[in-house]
N, C-alpha and C. Protein backbone atom coordinates (compact mmCIF):
# COMPACT_ATOMS: atom_id res chain seq x y z
N MET A 1 -50.14 48.45 -35.49
CA MET A 1 -49.69 46.91 -36.14
C MET A 1 -48.63 47.54 -37.05
N GLU A 2 -48.79 48.42 -37.94
CA GLU A 2 -47.43 48.88 -38.75
C GLU A 2 -46.28 49.45 -37.94
N LYS A 3 -46.53 49.95 -36.62
CA LYS A 3 -45.50 50.67 -35.77
C LYS A 3 -44.92 49.28 -35.18
N GLU A 4 -45.42 48.25 -34.86
CA GLU A 4 -45.11 47.30 -34.25
C GLU A 4 -44.03 46.26 -34.86
N ILE A 5 -44.53 46.20 -36.44
CA ILE A 5 -43.77 45.52 -37.15
C ILE A 5 -42.28 46.29 -37.60
N TYR A 6 -42.29 47.75 -37.24
CA TYR A 6 -41.35 48.49 -37.61
C TYR A 6 -40.32 48.32 -36.60
N CYS A 7 -40.79 48.28 -35.33
CA CYS A 7 -40.30 48.08 -34.10
C CYS A 7 -39.51 46.65 -34.26
N LEU A 8 -40.16 45.52 -34.23
CA LEU A 8 -40.00 44.31 -34.49
C LEU A 8 -38.85 44.40 -35.68
N THR A 9 -39.09 44.55 -36.85
CA THR A 9 -37.97 44.70 -37.71
C THR A 9 -36.57 45.66 -37.23
N LYS A 10 -36.75 46.40 -36.79
CA LYS A 10 -35.94 47.10 -36.25
C LYS A 10 -34.74 46.65 -35.04
N GLU A 11 -35.59 45.86 -34.34
CA GLU A 11 -34.97 45.17 -33.49
C GLU A 11 -34.27 43.79 -33.75
N LEU A 12 -34.92 43.29 -34.92
CA LEU A 12 -34.19 41.85 -35.22
C LEU A 12 -33.00 42.29 -36.00
N LYS A 13 -33.02 43.46 -36.81
CA LYS A 13 -31.65 44.13 -37.63
C LYS A 13 -30.70 44.31 -36.43
N THR A 14 -31.07 45.06 -35.32
CA THR A 14 -30.17 45.14 -34.30
C THR A 14 -29.70 43.97 -33.85
N LYS A 15 -30.27 42.89 -33.54
CA LYS A 15 -29.86 41.58 -33.07
C LYS A 15 -28.75 41.01 -34.27
N GLU A 16 -29.13 40.93 -35.19
CA GLU A 16 -28.65 40.28 -36.75
C GLU A 16 -27.28 41.07 -36.54
N ASP A 17 -27.00 42.49 -36.54
CA ASP A 17 -25.80 43.06 -36.31
C ASP A 17 -25.03 42.86 -34.98
N GLN A 18 -25.69 42.57 -33.82
CA GLN A 18 -24.82 42.20 -32.67
C GLN A 18 -24.42 40.61 -32.91
N ASN A 19 -25.30 40.19 -33.61
CA ASN A 19 -24.85 38.34 -33.94
C ASN A 19 -23.48 38.35 -34.67
N LYS A 20 -23.40 39.30 -35.88
CA LYS A 20 -22.45 39.36 -36.71
C LYS A 20 -21.08 39.67 -36.12
N GLU A 21 -21.02 40.92 -34.88
CA GLU A 21 -20.40 41.21 -34.27
C GLU A 21 -19.49 40.13 -33.41
N VAL A 22 -20.50 39.55 -32.73
CA VAL A 22 -20.16 38.34 -31.57
C VAL A 22 -19.44 37.20 -32.83
N THR A 23 -20.13 36.75 -33.76
CA THR A 23 -19.49 35.85 -34.71
C THR A 23 -17.84 36.51 -35.00
N LYS A 24 -17.83 37.49 -35.30
CA LYS A 24 -16.49 37.97 -35.85
C LYS A 24 -15.55 38.04 -34.65
N GLU A 25 -16.04 38.06 -33.56
CA GLU A 25 -14.86 38.16 -32.50
C GLU A 25 -14.44 36.84 -31.55
N TYR A 26 -15.65 36.04 -31.96
CA TYR A 26 -15.70 34.58 -31.66
C TYR A 26 -14.39 33.95 -32.85
N THR A 27 -14.69 34.46 -33.97
CA THR A 27 -13.52 34.00 -35.13
C THR A 27 -12.26 34.44 -34.96
N GLU A 28 -12.01 35.57 -34.15
CA GLU A 28 -10.55 36.02 -33.63
C GLU A 28 -10.16 35.42 -32.79
N LEU A 29 -10.79 35.03 -31.85
CA LEU A 29 -10.70 34.53 -30.43
C LEU A 29 -10.45 32.90 -31.23
N VAL A 30 -10.96 32.38 -31.51
CA VAL A 30 -10.44 30.97 -31.97
C VAL A 30 -9.38 30.97 -33.18
N ALA A 31 -9.29 32.05 -33.87
CA ALA A 31 -7.79 31.82 -34.86
C ALA A 31 -6.80 32.28 -33.85
N HIS A 32 -6.72 33.15 -33.15
CA HIS A 32 -5.81 33.59 -31.63
C HIS A 32 -5.47 32.22 -31.10
N PHE A 33 -6.54 31.67 -30.49
CA PHE A 33 -6.41 30.53 -30.01
C PHE A 33 -5.60 29.07 -30.78
N ILE A 34 -5.77 28.96 -32.03
CA ILE A 34 -5.03 28.18 -32.81
C ILE A 34 -3.71 28.46 -33.09
N THR A 35 -3.38 29.87 -33.24
CA THR A 35 -1.88 30.28 -33.12
C THR A 35 -1.29 29.89 -31.93
N VAL A 36 -1.92 30.50 -30.93
CA VAL A 36 -1.01 30.35 -29.32
C VAL A 36 -0.93 28.60 -29.31
N GLU A 37 -1.97 27.92 -29.62
CA GLU A 37 -1.59 26.41 -29.36
C GLU A 37 -0.58 26.03 -30.06
N GLN A 38 -0.52 26.41 -31.33
CA GLN A 38 0.40 26.02 -32.39
C GLN A 38 1.82 26.04 -31.93
N MET A 39 2.02 27.58 -31.20
CA MET A 39 3.08 27.98 -30.65
C MET A 39 3.66 27.12 -29.27
N LEU A 40 2.78 26.75 -28.60
CA LEU A 40 2.84 25.80 -27.49
C LEU A 40 3.54 24.27 -27.96
N ILE A 41 2.77 23.81 -29.14
CA ILE A 41 3.20 22.75 -29.79
C ILE A 41 4.48 22.61 -30.46
N ASN A 42 4.91 23.78 -31.68
CA ASN A 42 6.13 23.84 -31.37
C ASN A 42 7.49 24.08 -30.25
N ARG A 43 6.98 24.58 -29.41
CA ARG A 43 7.75 25.12 -28.31
C ARG A 43 7.98 23.60 -27.76
N GLN A 44 6.92 23.05 -27.38
CA GLN A 44 7.66 21.43 -26.83
C GLN A 44 7.85 20.84 -27.91
N GLU A 45 7.96 20.64 -29.17
CA GLU A 45 8.71 19.91 -29.76
C GLU A 45 10.48 20.35 -29.85
N VAL A 46 10.33 21.86 -29.71
CA VAL A 46 11.84 22.19 -29.47
C VAL A 46 12.59 21.44 -28.43
N PHE A 47 11.69 21.69 -27.47
CA PHE A 47 12.24 21.58 -26.15
C PHE A 47 12.63 19.57 -26.06
N ALA A 48 11.61 19.06 -27.15
CA ALA A 48 11.87 17.31 -27.09
C ALA A 48 13.31 17.28 -28.03
N THR A 49 13.25 18.08 -28.81
CA THR A 49 14.43 18.01 -29.72
C THR A 49 15.53 18.32 -29.01
N ILE A 50 15.71 19.20 -28.14
CA ILE A 50 16.90 19.88 -27.42
C ILE A 50 17.20 18.47 -26.37
N HIS A 51 16.34 17.79 -25.80
CA HIS A 51 16.53 16.80 -24.79
C HIS A 51 16.99 15.63 -25.25
N TRP A 52 16.48 15.17 -26.50
CA TRP A 52 16.94 14.22 -27.46
C TRP A 52 18.59 14.59 -27.66
N GLU A 53 18.97 15.72 -28.15
CA GLU A 53 19.93 15.93 -28.82
C GLU A 53 21.06 15.74 -27.84
N GLY A 54 20.77 16.26 -26.37
CA GLY A 54 21.48 16.21 -25.26
C GLY A 54 21.87 14.84 -25.03
N GLN A 55 20.53 13.99 -25.00
CA GLN A 55 21.08 12.51 -24.86
C GLN A 55 22.01 11.79 -25.40
N VAL A 56 22.04 11.95 -26.74
CA VAL A 56 22.59 11.65 -28.09
C VAL A 56 24.34 12.29 -27.88
N PHE A 57 24.44 13.40 -27.28
CA PHE A 57 25.69 14.01 -27.01
C PHE A 57 26.11 13.11 -25.68
N THR A 58 25.14 13.22 -24.58
CA THR A 58 25.88 12.59 -23.51
C THR A 58 26.16 11.13 -23.66
N GLN A 59 25.99 10.54 -24.58
CA GLN A 59 26.20 9.13 -25.08
C GLN A 59 27.39 9.01 -25.94
N GLN A 60 27.60 9.97 -26.65
CA GLN A 60 28.76 10.32 -27.27
C GLN A 60 29.81 10.52 -26.57
N ALA A 61 29.62 11.26 -25.68
CA ALA A 61 30.45 11.64 -24.75
C ALA A 61 31.18 10.68 -23.70
N LYS A 62 30.24 9.70 -23.07
CA LYS A 62 30.38 8.40 -22.57
C LYS A 62 31.07 7.54 -23.58
N ASP A 63 30.76 7.49 -25.02
CA ASP A 63 31.37 6.52 -26.17
C ASP A 63 33.04 6.42 -25.73
N ILE A 64 33.09 7.95 -25.96
CA ILE A 64 34.67 8.58 -26.22
C ILE A 64 35.11 8.14 -25.25
N CYS A 65 34.53 8.45 -23.85
CA CYS A 65 35.69 8.21 -22.60
C CYS A 65 36.07 6.56 -22.34
N GLU A 66 34.98 5.65 -22.87
CA GLU A 66 35.26 4.50 -22.65
C GLU A 66 36.53 3.40 -23.32
């Protein structure tokens, strides 16, 4: 009986350690995902600003030519 308890305790400890490692990897992956997602959003904002500024410049050029 004591041997079984020892084995179960050891197995439980192993599973806890594995859980900690998986949780750590998951947390790192989530942090990386958030970083990449924010980079994409920033890139889209830059492209939107460039597009808007291009439209403003085009309109200003048209106004000057008229």
